[in-house]
Amino acid sequence: MNLKLSSQEYLDQAAALSKEDAERLFARMRGKLARKVESEKIPSLEAVALQLQIEDEELQEWRQRWAEIEQREAARTKKGG
């Protein structure tokens, strides 16, 4: 996991979140990021921005894998039908 913030966009998004939405992001933090927040090595706004970035990256990876699965299924359907 890369803990470097890649753009100001995520900081802006984090700053615009409601307290409740920010708390939900904090609740989903895992591993290295959560430990850095707990030890106060990074500000909470930056931590929320990093979590937003991580989730966006994971979503993109998931979408790519899902598209590959759909392509394989479509190819199987063509062969079988």
Protein backbone atom coordinates (compact mmCIF):
# COMPACT_ATOMS: atom_id res chain seq x y z
CA MET A 1 0.00 0.00 0.00
CA ASN A 2 1.35 3.37 -1.02
CA LEU A 3 0.81 5.95 1.73
CA LYS A 4 1.73 8.93 -0.40
CA LEU A 5 -1.10 11.23 -1.37
CA SER A 6 -1.12 11.61 -5.12
CA SER A 7 -3.21 14.74 -5.52
CA GLN A 8 -4.81 17.73 -3.89
CA GLU A 9 -8.13 16.41 -5.20
CA TYR A 10 -8.36 13.85 -2.39
CA LEU A 11 -7.58 16.45 0.28
CA ASP A 12 -10.35 18.64 -1.14
CA GLN A 13 -12.78 15.70 -1.13
CA ALA A 14 -11.82 14.81 2.44
CA ALA A 15 -12.31 18.39 3.61
CA ALA A 16 -15.80 18.45 2.07
CA LEU A 17 -16.99 15.31 3.87
CA SER A 18 -19.44 15.46 6.73
CA LYS A 19 -18.20 14.35 10.14
CA GLU A 20 -20.26 11.16 9.82
CA ASP A 21 -18.77 10.29 6.41
CA ALA A 22 -15.25 10.96 7.68
CA GLU A 23 -15.91 8.69 10.67
CA ARG A 24 -17.04 5.92 8.32
CA LEU A 25 -13.79 6.24 6.38
CA PHE A 26 -11.80 6.09 9.61
CA ALA A 27 -13.68 2.91 10.55
CA ARG A 28 -12.58 1.26 7.27
CA MET A 29 -8.88 2.09 7.71
CA ARG A 30 -6.58 -0.88 8.04
CA GLY A 31 -2.98 -1.68 8.72
CA LYS A 32 -0.25 0.86 8.28
CA LEU A 33 -2.57 3.82 7.73
CA ALA A 34 -4.58 3.14 10.89
CA ARG A 35 -1.39 2.82 12.96
CA LYS A 36 -0.06 6.12 11.60
CA VAL A 37 -3.30 7.88 12.53
CA GLU A 38 -3.34 6.34 16.00
CA SER A 39 0.25 7.40 16.66
CA GLU A 40 -0.59 10.87 15.29
CA LYS A 41 2.14 10.76 12.66
CA ILE A 42 -0.27 12.09 10.03
CA PRO A 43 -3.13 14.59 10.37
CA SER A 44 -6.65 13.18 10.31
CA LEU A 45 -7.60 15.14 7.17
CA GLU A 46 -4.67 13.61 5.31
CA ALA A 47 -5.60 10.17 6.63
CA VAL A 48 -9.16 10.53 5.33
CA ALA A 49 -7.80 11.72 1.98
CA LEU A 50 -5.49 8.70 1.82
CA GLN A 51 -8.37 6.36 2.63
CA LEU A 52 -10.43 7.94 -0.17
CA GLN A 53 -7.52 7.42 -2.55
CA ILE A 54 -7.04 3.80 -1.46
CA GLU A 55 -10.73 3.03 -1.93
CA ASP A 56 -10.75 4.65 -5.39
CA GLU A 57 -7.73 2.56 -6.41
CA GLU A 58 -9.32 -0.63 -5.07
CA LEU A 59 -12.55 0.15 -6.91
CA GLN A 60 -10.67 0.63 -10.18
CA GLU A 61 -8.88 -2.69 -9.69
CA TRP A 62 -12.18 -4.42 -8.92
CA ARG A 63 -13.82 -2.96 -12.02
CA GLN A 64 -10.93 -4.15 -14.16
CA ARG A 65 -11.13 -7.69 -12.73
CA TRP A 66 -14.92 -7.72 -13.18
CA ALA A 67 -14.59 -6.65 -16.84
CA GLU A 68 -12.12 -9.51 -17.39
CA ILE A 69 -14.56 -11.99 -15.83
CA GLU A 70 -17.39 -10.70 -18.04
CA GLN A 71 -15.19 -11.04 -21.14
CA ARG A 72 -14.32 -14.64 -20.26
CA GLU A 73 -17.99 -15.47 -19.65
CA ALA A 74 -19.00 -13.86 -22.95
CA ALA A 75 -16.34 -15.88 -24.77
CA ARG A 76 -17.59 -19.10 -23.14
CA THR A 77 -21.16 -18.27 -24.11
CA LYS A 78 -20.13 -17.75 -27.76
CA LYS A 79 -18.27 -21.06 -27.83
CA GLY A 80 -21.12 -22.97 -26.24
CA GLY A 81 -23.97 -21.40 -28.12
